[in-house]
Amino acid sequence: MLHTTVTQLIGQTPVMSIDVPERDATLVLKIEKNNPGGSMKDRMARSMVVAALEDGRLAPGGTIVESSSGNTGTGLALAALEFGLRFIAVVDHHAAPDKIRMMRALGAEIRYVEGDFAEDQVAVVERQRLAAQLGAQLPGAMFMNQSDNPANPDGYAGLVDELIAQLPGGIDAFVGCVGTGGSMTGIAQRLKRHNPAVRTIAVEPAGSIVFGKPGHPYYQSGTGTPAGDEVGKVLDYGCIDEGVQVTDVQAFETARYIARRKGLLVGGSTGGAIFKALEFIVEGKLTGTVVTTVADGGEKYLGTIFDDEWMAKRRLLEPAIAAQLDGWLAGRARAA
């Protein structure tokens, strides 16, 4: 099939299995980094733009405004090109520099929020405030507001259809990151409609408030809800069987491990989801085919989590994690 727009390349991403020895389980990775914008957010970004154009909230030639740590922004930049729209991304210092460069390369206008924020503090509240202000003030503009936009979870319908076709033996569990809640809700709801017995585990950074734990700063980008912000209205707790937290060290060291042992560059939040998926499998809490998504690629974090100096300066290096993962994947681990 000959495609005529880059957004037609969204979807039909491959799957890759990781065997867990001595366990009745296989971890399957859905390689969403293969989408043209480099993340699963391409799906929901286009879904939100199409819905806004169809119902008249966004007029042809109008302006999209969105708060983003980078992946949603990249997806919106692609959709803006497809439909001839202007796109303004509101970002903070927490966004990976290469994500900012990617959005700029695709023609997005970048607006940084102002304020004195710690390096590990996500300025989501200020980002949302500025994006909403720009959306209200600029002629023909619309604040996309992914956290509360129902077209966000709707964008993942195709991903679930693909998984069901790719894994005809069935899916027993899904482990995914939770931020705004769009991807977790969209995927979990549809998997449970297909098979109500599917177990769904949502992973947030330690320091996020999605599941009611105390908030504190964290380095994981594009996932979780920081203290002071509100959990997105798109998040459906009813489709989540269990919510768990993963530390920055566990997430980042797992991403580095997957690169060095499996040759696959994954982002930090994906590292966290893989760590918790493997932990649940080894503890006997999940069996069968366990799916998680490679939400984005490690290529966007070469100057951060894949840089030894950056990791060491922030006390995020912990060789014991790699040893733990080696034990799990060599079949030497036993449930407590």
C-alpha atoms as a PDB file:
ATOM      1  CA  MET A   1       0.000   0.000   0.000  1.00  0.00           C
ATOM      2  CA  LEU A   2       1.340   3.421  -0.976  1.00  0.00           C
ATOM      3  CA  HIS A   3       0.788   6.028   1.753  1.00  0.00           C
ATOM      4  CA  THR A   4       0.393   9.713   0.931  1.00  0.00           C
ATOM      5  CA  THR A   5       0.629  11.294   4.412  1.00  0.00           C
ATOM      6  CA  VAL A   6       2.926  10.512   7.332  1.00  0.00           C
ATOM      7  CA  THR A   7      -0.039  10.035   9.676  1.00  0.00           C
ATOM      8  CA  GLN A   8      -1.111   7.026   7.595  1.00  0.00           C
ATOM      9  CA  LEU A   9       1.985   5.362   9.056  1.00  0.00           C
ATOM     10  CA  ILE A  10       0.447   5.472  12.544  1.00  0.00           C
ATOM     11  CA  GLY A  11      -0.365   2.016  13.872  1.00  0.00           C
ATOM     12  CA  GLN A  12       0.351  -1.565  12.829  1.00  0.00           C
ATOM     13  CA  THR A  13       3.345  -1.542  15.165  1.00  0.00           C
ATOM     14  CA  PRO A  14       5.116  -4.866  15.805  1.00  0.00           C
ATOM     15  CA  VAL A  15       5.236  -6.990  18.958  1.00  0.00           C
ATOM     16  CA  MET A  16       8.261  -8.598  20.601  1.00  0.00           C
ATOM     17  CA  SER A  17       8.280 -11.276  23.278  1.00  0.00           C
ATOM     18  CA  ILE A  18      10.497 -11.648  26.333  1.00  0.00           C
ATOM     19  CA  ASP A  19      10.436 -15.096  27.898  1.00  0.00           C
ATOM     20  CA  VAL A  20      10.520 -15.328  31.698  1.00  0.00           C
ATOM     21  CA  PRO A  21      12.107 -18.716  32.510  1.00  0.00           C
ATOM     22  CA  GLU A  22      10.470 -21.033  35.028  1.00  0.00           C
ATOM     23  CA  ARG A  23       7.317 -18.953  34.941  1.00  0.00           C
ATOM     24  CA  ASP A  24       4.078 -19.650  33.124  1.00  0.00           C
ATOM     25  CA  ALA A  25       4.238 -16.262  31.432  1.00  0.00           C
ATOM     26  CA  THR A  26       5.590 -14.377  28.469  1.00  0.00           C
ATOM     27  CA  LEU A  27       6.017 -10.613  28.417  1.00  0.00           C
ATOM     28  CA  VAL A  28       4.991  -9.115  25.075  1.00  0.00           C
ATOM     29  CA  LEU A  29       6.103  -5.611  24.134  1.00  0.00           C
ATOM     30  CA  LYS A  30       3.963  -3.613  21.696  1.00  0.00           C
ATOM     31  CA  ILE A  31       6.595  -1.456  19.971  1.00  0.00           C
ATOM     32  CA  GLU A  32       4.745   1.862  19.826  1.00  0.00           C
ATOM     33  CA  LYS A  33       7.993   3.776  19.355  1.00  0.00           C
ATOM     34  CA  ASN A  34       7.671   2.713  15.690  1.00  0.00           C
ATOM     35  CA  ASN A  35       4.902   5.246  15.107  1.00  0.00           C
ATOM     36  CA  PRO A  36       6.101   8.166  12.925  1.00  0.00           C
ATOM     37  CA  GLY A  37       6.338  10.590  15.852  1.00  0.00           C
ATOM     38  CA  GLY A  38       8.164   8.014  17.927  1.00  0.00           C
ATOM     39  CA  SER A  39       5.466   7.262  20.495  1.00  0.00           C
ATOM     40  CA  MET A  40       2.017   5.830  21.142  1.00  0.00           C
ATOM     41  CA  LYS A  41       0.728   9.391  21.617  1.00  0.00           C
ATOM     42  CA  ASP A  42       0.553   9.782  17.813  1.00  0.00           C
ATOM     43  CA  ARG A  43      -2.654   7.755  17.941  1.00  0.00           C
ATOM     44  CA  MET A  44      -4.527   9.899  20.438  1.00  0.00           C
ATOM     45  CA  ALA A  45      -3.148  13.216  19.135  1.00  0.00           C
ATOM     46  CA  ARG A  46      -4.653  12.631  15.714  1.00  0.00           C
ATOM     47  CA  SER A  47      -7.860  11.318  17.295  1.00  0.00           C
ATOM     48  CA  MET A  48      -8.290  14.553  19.267  1.00  0.00           C
ATOM     49  CA  VAL A  49      -7.655  16.757  16.236  1.00  0.00           C
ATOM     50  CA  VAL A  50     -10.051  14.825  13.991  1.00  0.00           C
ATOM     51  CA  ALA A  51     -12.785  14.940  16.649  1.00  0.00           C
ATOM     52  CA  ALA A  52     -12.326  18.701  17.144  1.00  0.00           C
ATOM     53  CA  LEU A  53     -12.489  19.374  13.402  1.00  0.00           C
ATOM     54  CA  GLU A  54     -15.547  17.175  12.952  1.00  0.00           C
ATOM     55  CA  ASP A  55     -17.580  18.804  15.713  1.00  0.00           C
ATOM     56  CA  GLY A  56     -16.537  22.364  14.828  1.00  0.00           C
ATOM     57  CA  ARG A  57     -14.550  23.201  17.957  1.00  0.00           C
ATOM     58  CA  LEU A  58     -11.526  23.653  15.715  1.00  0.00           C
ATOM     59  CA  ALA A  59     -11.945  25.438  12.387  1.00  0.00           C
ATOM     60  CA  PRO A  60      -9.835  24.810   9.268  1.00  0.00           C
ATOM     61  CA  GLY A  61      -6.671  26.892   9.477  1.00  0.00           C
ATOM     62  CA  GLY A  62      -7.057  27.235  13.244  1.00  0.00           C
ATOM     63  CA  THR A  63      -4.528  26.873  16.039  1.00  0.00           C
ATOM     64  CA  ILE A  64      -3.980  23.926  18.371  1.00  0.00           C
ATOM     65  CA  VAL A  65      -2.572  24.713  21.809  1.00  0.00           C
ATOM     66  CA  GLU A  66      -1.500  21.965  24.184  1.00  0.00           C
ATOM     67  CA  SER A  67       0.557  21.409  27.318  1.00  0.00           C
ATOM     68  CA  SER A  68       2.993  18.570  26.635  1.00  0.00           C
ATOM     69  CA  SER A  69       6.212  16.996  27.825  1.00  0.00           C
ATOM     70  CA  GLY A  70       6.911  16.208  24.180  1.00  0.00           C
ATOM     71  CA  ASN A  71       5.280  13.037  22.886  1.00  0.00           C
ATOM     72  CA  THR A  72       1.726  14.349  22.628  1.00  0.00           C
ATOM     73  CA  GLY A  73       3.176  17.533  21.197  1.00  0.00           C
ATOM     74  CA  THR A  74       5.010  15.627  18.489  1.00  0.00           C
ATOM     75  CA  GLY A  75       1.821  13.771  17.573  1.00  0.00           C
ATOM     76  CA  LEU A  76      -0.111  17.036  17.443  1.00  0.00           C
ATOM     77  CA  ALA A  77       2.603  18.591  15.274  1.00  0.00           C
ATOM     78  CA  LEU A  78       2.125  15.761  12.757  1.00  0.00           C
ATOM     79  CA  ALA A  79      -1.657  16.162  12.812  1.00  0.00           C
ATOM     80  CA  ALA A  80      -1.306  19.932  12.408  1.00  0.00           C
ATOM     81  CA  LEU A  81       0.766  19.386   9.266  1.00  0.00           C
ATOM     82  CA  GLU A  82      -1.816  16.966   7.873  1.00  0.00           C
ATOM     83  CA  PHE A  83      -4.735  19.344   8.359  1.00  0.00           C
ATOM     84  CA  GLY A  84      -3.015  22.690   7.733  1.00  0.00           C
ATOM     85  CA  LEU A  85      -3.177  23.930  11.329  1.00  0.00           C
ATOM     86  CA  ARG A  86      -0.890  25.987  13.538  1.00  0.00           C
ATOM     87  CA  PHE A  87       0.419  24.258  16.665  1.00  0.00           C
ATOM     88  CA  ILE A  88       1.734  25.813  19.867  1.00  0.00           C
ATOM     89  CA  ALA A  89       3.314  23.471  22.432  1.00  0.00           C
ATOM     90  CA  VAL A  90       3.506  24.697  26.016  1.00  0.00           C
ATOM     91  CA  VAL A  91       6.430  22.983  27.751  1.00  0.00           C
ATOM     92  CA  ASP A  92       8.574  23.210  30.854  1.00  0.00           C
ATOM     93  CA  HIS A  93      12.193  22.451  31.755  1.00  0.00           C
ATOM     94  CA  HIS A  94      11.268  18.825  32.533  1.00  0.00           C
ATOM     95  CA  ALA A  95      10.746  17.906  28.868  1.00  0.00           C
ATOM     96  CA  ALA A  96      13.596  15.979  27.240  1.00  0.00           C
ATOM     97  CA  PRO A  97      15.573  18.405  25.031  1.00  0.00           C
ATOM     98  CA  ASP A  98      15.368  16.095  22.015  1.00  0.00           C
ATOM     99  CA  LYS A  99      11.566  16.080  22.263  1.00  0.00           C
ATOM    100  CA  ILE A 100      11.599  19.879  22.071  1.00  0.00           C
ATOM    101  CA  ARG A 101      13.916  19.737  19.065  1.00  0.00           C
ATOM    102  CA  MET A 102      11.655  17.216  17.362  1.00  0.00           C
ATOM    103  CA  MET A 103       8.563  19.375  17.803  1.00  0.00           C
ATOM    104  CA  ARG A 104      10.417  22.412  16.456  1.00  0.00           C
ATOM    105  CA  ALA A 105      11.668  20.390  13.482  1.00  0.00           C
ATOM    106  CA  LEU A 106       8.045  19.590  12.636  1.00  0.00           C
ATOM    107  CA  GLY A 107       7.051  23.256  12.707  1.00  0.00           C
ATOM    108  CA  ALA A 108       5.629  23.558  16.218  1.00  0.00           C
ATOM    109  CA  GLU A 109       5.954  26.835  18.116  1.00  0.00           C
ATOM    110  CA  ILE A 110       7.389  26.315  21.593  1.00  0.00           C
ATOM    111  CA  ARG A 111       6.319  28.320  24.648  1.00  0.00           C
ATOM    112  CA  TYR A 112       8.125  27.721  27.924  1.00  0.00           C
ATOM    113  CA  VAL A 113       6.347  28.351  31.213  1.00  0.00           C
ATOM    114  CA  GLU A 114       7.951  30.824  33.571  1.00  0.00           C
ATOM    115  CA  GLY A 115       8.746  30.120  37.206  1.00  0.00           C
ATOM    116  CA  ASP A 116      11.378  28.790  39.547  1.00  0.00           C
ATOM    117  CA  PHE A 117      10.970  25.015  39.448  1.00  0.00           C
ATOM    118  CA  ALA A 118      13.287  22.309  40.744  1.00  0.00           C
ATOM    119  CA  GLU A 119      14.872  20.066  38.113  1.00  0.00           C
ATOM    120  CA  ASP A 120      12.793  17.071  39.189  1.00  0.00           C
ATOM    121  CA  GLN A 121       9.588  19.096  39.551  1.00  0.00           C
ATOM    122  CA  VAL A 122       7.042  18.782  36.735  1.00  0.00           C
ATOM    123  CA  ALA A 123       5.343  22.157  36.130  1.00  0.00           C
ATOM    124  CA  VAL A 124       2.121  20.664  34.767  1.00  0.00           C
ATOM    125  CA  VAL A 125      -0.183  23.084  36.599  1.00  0.00           C
ATOM    126  CA  GLU A 126       1.537  26.131  35.127  1.00  0.00           C
ATOM    127  CA  ARG A 127       1.701  24.493  31.699  1.00  0.00           C
ATOM    128  CA  GLN A 128      -2.023  23.818  31.761  1.00  0.00           C
ATOM    129  CA  ARG A 129      -2.778  27.358  32.916  1.00  0.00           C
ATOM    130  CA  LEU A 130      -0.728  28.959  30.125  1.00  0.00           C
ATOM    131  CA  ALA A 131      -2.097  26.600  27.449  1.00  0.00           C
ATOM    132  CA  ALA A 132      -5.679  27.347  28.507  1.00  0.00           C
ATOM    133  CA  GLN A 133      -4.940  31.070  28.468  1.00  0.00           C
ATOM    134  CA  LEU A 134      -3.469  30.962  24.971  1.00  0.00           C
ATOM    135  CA  GLY A 135      -6.357  28.838  23.736  1.00  0.00           C
ATOM    136  CA  ALA A 136      -8.828  31.419  25.021  1.00  0.00           C
ATOM    137  CA  GLN A 137      -6.971  34.519  23.838  1.00  0.00           C
ATOM    138  CA  LEU A 138      -5.702  33.632  20.368  1.00  0.00           C
ATOM    139  CA  PRO A 139      -8.211  33.938  17.476  1.00  0.00           C
ATOM    140  CA  GLY A 140      -9.260  30.554  16.106  1.00  0.00           C
ATOM    141  CA  ALA A 141      -7.325  28.697  18.796  1.00  0.00           C
ATOM    142  CA  MET A 142      -8.314  25.653  20.832  1.00  0.00           C
ATOM    143  CA  PHE A 143      -6.731  24.267  23.986  1.00  0.00           C
ATOM    144  CA  MET A 144      -6.747  20.525  23.271  1.00  0.00           C
ATOM    145  CA  ASN A 145      -6.630  19.593  27.001  1.00  0.00           C
ATOM    146  CA  GLN A 146      -5.635  15.947  26.622  1.00  0.00           C
ATOM    147  CA  SER A 147      -6.288  15.195  30.322  1.00  0.00           C
ATOM    148  CA  ASP A 148     -10.015  15.828  29.967  1.00  0.00           C
ATOM    149  CA  ASN A 149     -10.539  15.133  26.256  1.00  0.00           C
ATOM    150  CA  PRO A 150     -12.666  12.007  25.581  1.00  0.00           C
ATOM    151  CA  ALA A 151     -11.056  11.628  22.153  1.00  0.00           C
ATOM    152  CA  ASN A 152      -7.806  10.819  23.994  1.00  0.00           C
ATOM    153  CA  PRO A 153      -8.742   7.266  25.112  1.00  0.00           C
ATOM    154  CA  ASP A 154     -10.760   6.775  21.917  1.00  0.00           C
ATOM    155  CA  GLY A 155      -7.495   7.084  20.000  1.00  0.00           C
ATOM    156  CA  TYR A 156      -6.277   3.705  21.272  1.00  0.00           C
ATOM    157  CA  ALA A 157      -9.049   1.594  19.759  1.00  0.00           C
ATOM    158  CA  GLY A 158      -6.793   0.644  16.842  1.00  0.00           C
ATOM    159  CA  LEU A 159      -3.988  -0.437  19.165  1.00  0.00           C
ATOM    160  CA  VAL A 160      -6.249  -2.932  20.917  1.00  0.00           C
ATOM    161  CA  ASP A 161      -7.588  -4.261  17.605  1.00  0.00           C
ATOM    162  CA  GLU A 162      -4.002  -4.805  16.470  1.00  0.00           C
ATOM    163  CA  LEU A 163      -3.060  -6.635  19.677  1.00  0.00           C
ATOM    164  CA  ILE A 164      -6.033  -8.974  19.420  1.00  0.00           C
ATOM    165  CA  ALA A 165      -5.071  -9.826  15.840  1.00  0.00           C
ATOM    166  CA  GLN A 166      -1.359 -10.182  16.646  1.00  0.00           C
ATOM    167  CA  LEU A 167      -1.919 -12.405  19.690  1.00  0.00           C
ATOM    168  CA  PRO A 168      -4.608 -14.909  18.630  1.00  0.00           C
ATOM    169  CA  GLY A 169      -3.808 -17.058  21.667  1.00  0.00           C
ATOM    170  CA  GLY A 170      -5.291 -14.382  23.864  1.00  0.00           C
ATOM    171  CA  ILE A 171      -4.125 -11.659  26.251  1.00  0.00           C
ATOM    172  CA  ASP A 172      -4.151 -12.390  29.970  1.00  0.00           C
ATOM    173  CA  ALA A 173      -2.867  -9.114  31.400  1.00  0.00           C
ATOM    174  CA  PHE A 174      -1.910  -5.580  30.463  1.00  0.00           C
ATOM    175  CA  VAL A 175       0.627  -3.460  32.351  1.00  0.00           C
ATOM    176  CA  GLY A 176       0.770   0.178  31.299  1.00  0.00           C
ATOM    177  CA  CYS A 177       1.918   3.596  32.415  1.00  0.00           C
ATOM    178  CA  VAL A 178      -0.676   6.054  33.669  1.00  0.00           C
ATOM    179  CA  GLY A 179      -0.383   9.814  33.273  1.00  0.00           C
ATOM    180  CA  THR A 180      -3.429  11.646  31.998  1.00  0.00           C
ATOM    181  CA  GLY A 181      -5.076   8.237  31.975  1.00  0.00           C
ATOM    182  CA  GLY A 182      -5.931   8.302  28.282  1.00  0.00           C
ATOM    183  CA  SER A 183      -3.877   5.351  27.110  1.00  0.00           C
ATOM    184  CA  MET A 184      -4.513   3.235  30.198  1.00  0.00           C
ATOM    185  CA  THR A 185      -8.252   3.849  30.016  1.00  0.00           C
ATOM    186  CA  GLY A 186      -8.534   3.433  26.255  1.00  0.00           C
ATOM    187  CA  ILE A 187      -6.565   0.174  26.227  1.00  0.00           C
ATOM    188  CA  ALA A 188      -7.902  -1.360  29.455  1.00  0.00           C
ATOM    189  CA  GLN A 189     -11.569  -0.672  28.689  1.00  0.00           C
ATOM    190  CA  ARG A 190     -11.340  -2.263  25.259  1.00  0.00           C
ATOM    191  CA  LEU A 191      -9.343  -5.274  26.412  1.00  0.00           C
ATOM    192  CA  LYS A 192     -11.924  -5.959  29.111  1.00  0.00           C
ATOM    193  CA  ARG A 193     -14.757  -5.663  26.609  1.00  0.00           C
ATOM    194  CA  HIS A 194     -13.007  -8.316  24.556  1.00  0.00           C
ATOM    195  CA  ASN A 195     -12.251 -10.469  27.606  1.00  0.00           C
ATOM    196  CA  PRO A 196     -13.462  -9.359  31.069  1.00  0.00           C
ATOM    197  CA  ALA A 197     -10.886 -11.657  32.710  1.00  0.00           C
ATOM    198  CA  VAL A 198      -7.923  -9.588  31.490  1.00  0.00           C
ATOM    199  CA  ARG A 199      -5.918  -8.207  34.440  1.00  0.00           C
ATOM    200  CA  THR A 200      -4.963  -4.542  34.113  1.00  0.00           C
ATOM    201  CA  ILE A 201      -2.116  -2.990  36.108  1.00  0.00           C
ATOM    202  CA  ALA A 202      -1.463   0.755  35.955  1.00  0.00           C
ATOM    203  CA  VAL A 203       2.038   2.016  36.787  1.00  0.00           C
ATOM    204  CA  GLU A 204       2.739   5.553  38.012  1.00  0.00           C
ATOM    205  CA  PRO A 205       6.030   7.090  39.193  1.00  0.00           C
ATOM    206  CA  ALA A 206       6.729   7.143  42.916  1.00  0.00           C
ATOM    207  CA  GLY A 207       5.780  10.728  43.757  1.00  0.00           C
ATOM    208  CA  SER A 208       2.696  10.777  41.513  1.00  0.00           C
ATOM    209  CA  ILE A 209      -0.751  11.186  43.088  1.00  0.00           C
ATOM    210  CA  VAL A 210      -2.909   9.117  40.720  1.00  0.00           C
ATOM    211  CA  PHE A 211      -3.575   6.414  43.298  1.00  0.00           C
ATOM    212  CA  GLY A 212      -3.648   8.612  46.374  1.00  0.00           C
ATOM    213  CA  LYS A 213      -0.054   8.270  47.531  1.00  0.00           C
ATOM    214  CA  PRO A 214       1.793  11.370  48.831  1.00  0.00           C
ATOM    215  CA  GLY A 215       3.255  13.494  46.057  1.00  0.00           C
ATOM    216  CA  HIS A 216       6.910  14.407  45.672  1.00  0.00           C
ATOM    217  CA  PRO A 217       9.194  15.333  42.741  1.00  0.00           C
ATOM    218  CA  TYR A 218      10.250  12.691  40.240  1.00  0.00           C
ATOM    219  CA  TYR A 219      12.304  12.555  37.034  1.00  0.00           C
ATOM    220  CA  GLN A 220      10.144  10.243  34.908  1.00  0.00           C
ATOM    221  CA  SER A 221       8.788  12.256  31.994  1.00  0.00           C
ATOM    222  CA  GLY A 222       5.335  12.177  30.444  1.00  0.00           C
ATOM    223  CA  THR A 223       3.779   9.921  33.057  1.00  0.00           C
ATOM    224  CA  GLY A 224       2.067  10.255  36.416  1.00  0.00           C
ATOM    225  CA  THR A 225       0.294  13.241  37.932  1.00  0.00           C
ATOM    226  CA  PRO A 226       2.459  15.524  40.099  1.00  0.00           C
ATOM    227  CA  ALA A 227       1.365  17.031  43.398  1.00  0.00           C
ATOM    228  CA  GLY A 228      -0.745  20.148  42.879  1.00  0.00           C
ATOM    229  CA  ASP A 229      -2.291  18.921  39.635  1.00  0.00           C
ATOM    230  CA  GLU A 230      -5.610  17.131  39.203  1.00  0.00           C
ATOM    231  CA  VAL A 231      -5.965  13.611  37.858  1.00  0.00           C
ATOM    232  CA  GLY A 232      -7.330  13.729  34.314  1.00  0.00           C
ATOM    233  CA  LYS A 233     -11.065  13.309  33.808  1.00  0.00           C
ATOM    234  CA  VAL A 234     -10.367  10.734  31.100  1.00  0.00           C
ATOM    235  CA  LEU A 235      -9.000   8.275  33.670  1.00  0.00           C
ATOM    236  CA  ASP A 236     -11.464   5.479  34.438  1.00  0.00           C
ATOM    237  CA  TYR A 237     -10.396   3.824  37.684  1.00  0.00           C
ATOM    238  CA  GLY A 238     -13.082   1.197  37.145  1.00  0.00           C
ATOM    239  CA  CYS A 239     -11.126  -0.496  34.341  1.00  0.00           C
ATOM    240  CA  ILE A 240      -7.920  -0.752  36.413  1.00  0.00           C
ATOM    241  CA  ASP A 241      -7.468  -3.791  38.643  1.00  0.00           C
ATOM    242  CA  GLU A 242      -4.425  -2.483  40.499  1.00  0.00           C
ATOM    243  CA  GLY A 243      -2.367   0.703  40.627  1.00  0.00           C
ATOM    244  CA  VAL A 244       1.305   0.523  41.571  1.00  0.00           C
ATOM    245  CA  GLN A 245       4.287   2.845  41.801  1.00  0.00           C
ATOM    246  CA  VAL A 246       7.794   2.509  40.360  1.00  0.00           C
ATOM    247  CA  THR A 247      10.829   4.522  41.391  1.00  0.00           C
ATOM    248  CA  ASP A 248      12.961   6.573  39.016  1.00  0.00           C
ATOM    249  CA  VAL A 249      15.886   4.239  39.724  1.00  0.00           C
ATOM    250  CA  GLN A 250      13.868   1.110  38.879  1.00  0.00           C
ATOM    251  CA  ALA A 251      12.426   2.688  35.729  1.00  0.00           C
ATOM    252  CA  PHE A 252      15.653   4.141  34.359  1.00  0.00           C
ATOM    253  CA  GLU A 253      17.896   1.191  35.197  1.00  0.00           C
ATOM    254  CA  THR A 254      15.386  -1.146  33.523  1.00  0.00           C
ATOM    255  CA  ALA A 255      15.380   0.983  30.379  1.00  0.00           C
ATOM    256  CA  ARG A 256      19.192   0.825  30.330  1.00  0.00           C
ATOM    257  CA  TYR A 257      19.074  -2.934  30.927  1.00  0.00           C
ATOM    258  CA  ILE A 258      16.668  -3.552  28.047  1.00  0.00           C
ATOM    259  CA  ALA A 259      18.979  -1.565  25.756  1.00  0.00           C
ATOM    260  CA  ARG A 260      22.081  -3.486  26.761  1.00  0.00           C
ATOM    261  CA  ARG A 261      20.553  -6.957  26.975  1.00  0.00           C
ATOM    262  CA  LYS A 262      17.852  -6.843  24.299  1.00  0.00           C
ATOM    263  CA  GLY A 263      19.108  -4.125  21.927  1.00  0.00           C
ATOM    264  CA  LEU A 264      15.873  -2.173  22.272  1.00  0.00           C
ATOM    265  CA  LEU A 265      15.965   1.497  23.272  1.00  0.00           C
ATOM    266  CA  VAL A 266      12.925   2.342  25.380  1.00  0.00           C
ATOM    267  CA  GLY A 267      11.997   5.450  27.342  1.00  0.00           C
ATOM    268  CA  GLY A 268      12.093   5.743  31.113  1.00  0.00           C
ATOM    269  CA  SER A 269       8.372   5.313  31.731  1.00  0.00           C
ATOM    270  CA  THR A 270       8.421   2.140  29.621  1.00  0.00           C
ATOM    271  CA  GLY A 271      11.321   0.913  31.726  1.00  0.00           C
ATOM    272  CA  GLY A 272       9.093   1.344  34.762  1.00  0.00           C
ATOM    273  CA  ALA A 273       6.225  -0.600  33.204  1.00  0.00           C
ATOM    274  CA  ILE A 274       8.568  -3.431  32.179  1.00  0.00           C
ATOM    275  CA  PHE A 275      10.069  -3.599  35.686  1.00  0.00           C
ATOM    276  CA  LYS A 276       6.660  -3.892  37.345  1.00  0.00           C
ATOM    277  CA  ALA A 277       5.395  -6.385  34.733  1.00  0.00           C
ATOM    278  CA  LEU A 278       8.392  -8.639  35.360  1.00  0.00           C
ATOM    279  CA  GLU A 279       8.049  -8.229  39.130  1.00  0.00           C
ATOM    280  CA  PHE A 280       4.384  -9.300  38.992  1.00  0.00           C
ATOM    281  CA  ILE A 281       5.280 -12.278  36.802  1.00  0.00           C
ATOM    282  CA  VAL A 282       8.121 -13.450  39.049  1.00  0.00           C
ATOM    283  CA  GLU A 283       5.936 -13.087  42.144  1.00  0.00           C
ATOM    284  CA  GLY A 284       3.290 -15.240  40.449  1.00  0.00           C
ATOM    285  CA  LYS A 285       0.709 -12.462  40.327  1.00  0.00           C
ATOM    286  CA  LEU A 286       0.449 -12.520  36.531  1.00  0.00           C
ATOM    287  CA  THR A 287       0.565 -15.526  34.196  1.00  0.00           C
ATOM    288  CA  GLY A 288       0.007 -16.230  30.523  1.00  0.00           C
ATOM    289  CA  THR A 289       0.498 -13.499  27.931  1.00  0.00           C
ATOM    290  CA  VAL A 290       1.310 -10.202  29.637  1.00  0.00           C
ATOM    291  CA  VAL A 291       1.395  -7.145  27.380  1.00  0.00           C
ATOM    292  CA  THR A 292       2.971  -3.754  27.909  1.00  0.00           C
ATOM    293  CA  THR A 293       3.561  -0.935  25.462  1.00  0.00           C
ATOM    294  CA  VAL A 294       6.875   0.604  24.504  1.00  0.00           C
ATOM    295  CA  ALA A 295       5.311   4.039  24.843  1.00  0.00           C
ATOM    296  CA  ASP A 296       8.300   5.792  23.314  1.00  0.00           C
ATOM    297  CA  GLY A 297      11.920   5.162  22.427  1.00  0.00           C
ATOM    298  CA  GLY A 298      15.110   5.724  24.356  1.00  0.00           C
ATOM    299  CA  GLU A 299      16.501   7.739  21.452  1.00  0.00           C
ATOM    300  CA  LYS A 300      14.840  10.768  23.057  1.00  0.00           C
ATOM    301  CA  TYR A 301      16.741  10.268  26.321  1.00  0.00           C
ATOM    302  CA  LEU A 302      20.329   9.637  25.182  1.00  0.00           C
ATOM    303  CA  GLY A 303      21.482  12.758  27.035  1.00  0.00           C
ATOM    304  CA  THR A 304      19.668  11.848  30.234  1.00  0.00           C
ATOM    305  CA  ILE A 305      18.830   8.331  31.382  1.00  0.00           C
ATOM    306  CA  PHE A 306      21.325   6.703  28.980  1.00  0.00           C
ATOM    307  CA  ASP A 307      24.098   9.074  30.039  1.00  0.00           C
ATOM    308  CA  ASP A 308      26.148   7.748  32.977  1.00  0.00           C
ATOM    309  CA  GLU A 309      27.229  11.205  34.123  1.00  0.00           C
ATOM    310  CA  TRP A 310      23.660  12.545  34.142  1.00  0.00           C
ATOM    311  CA  MET A 311      22.445   9.513  36.082  1.00  0.00           C
ATOM    312  CA  ALA A 312      25.311   9.565  38.581  1.00  0.00           C
ATOM    313  CA  LYS A 313      24.913  13.280  39.306  1.00  0.00           C
ATOM    314  CA  ARG A 314      21.302  12.640  40.326  1.00  0.00           C
ATOM    315  CA  ARG A 315      22.114   9.468  42.281  1.00  0.00           C
ATOM    316  CA  LEU A 316      20.003   7.339  39.965  1.00  0.00           C
ATOM    317  CA  LEU A 317      22.572   4.642  39.166  1.00  0.00           C
ATOM    318  CA  GLU A 318      21.933   1.333  40.921  1.00  0.00           C
ATOM    319  CA  PRO A 319      23.712  -1.766  39.514  1.00  0.00           C
ATOM    320  CA  ALA A 320      21.639  -4.019  41.780  1.00  0.00           C
ATOM    321  CA  ILE A 321      18.628  -3.474  39.513  1.00  0.00           C
ATOM    322  CA  ALA A 322      20.416  -5.048  36.532  1.00  0.00           C
ATOM    323  CA  ALA A 323      21.470  -7.966  38.724  1.00  0.00           C
ATOM    324  CA  GLN A 324      17.864  -8.383  39.859  1.00  0.00           C
ATOM    325  CA  LEU A 325      16.627  -8.353  36.267  1.00  0.00           C
ATOM    326  CA  ASP A 326      19.306 -10.858  35.262  1.00  0.00           C
ATOM    327  CA  GLY A 327      18.062 -13.135  38.016  1.00  0.00           C
ATOM    328  CA  TRP A 328      14.457 -12.818  36.915  1.00  0.00           C
ATOM    329  CA  LEU A 329      15.228 -13.449  33.243  1.00  0.00           C
ATOM    330  CA  ALA A 330      17.693 -16.255  33.920  1.00  0.00           C
ATOM    331  CA  GLY A 331      15.115 -18.120  35.998  1.00  0.00           C
ATOM    332  CA  ARG A 332      17.028 -17.771  39.270  1.00  0.00           C
ATOM    333  CA  ALA A 333      14.385 -15.722  41.057  1.00  0.00           C
ATOM    334  CA  ARG A 334      11.783 -17.209  43.365  1.00  0.00           C
ATOM    335  CA  ALA A 335       8.602 -15.678  44.675  1.00  0.00           C
ATOM    336  CA  ALA A 336       8.860 -14.400  48.238  1.00  0.00           C
END
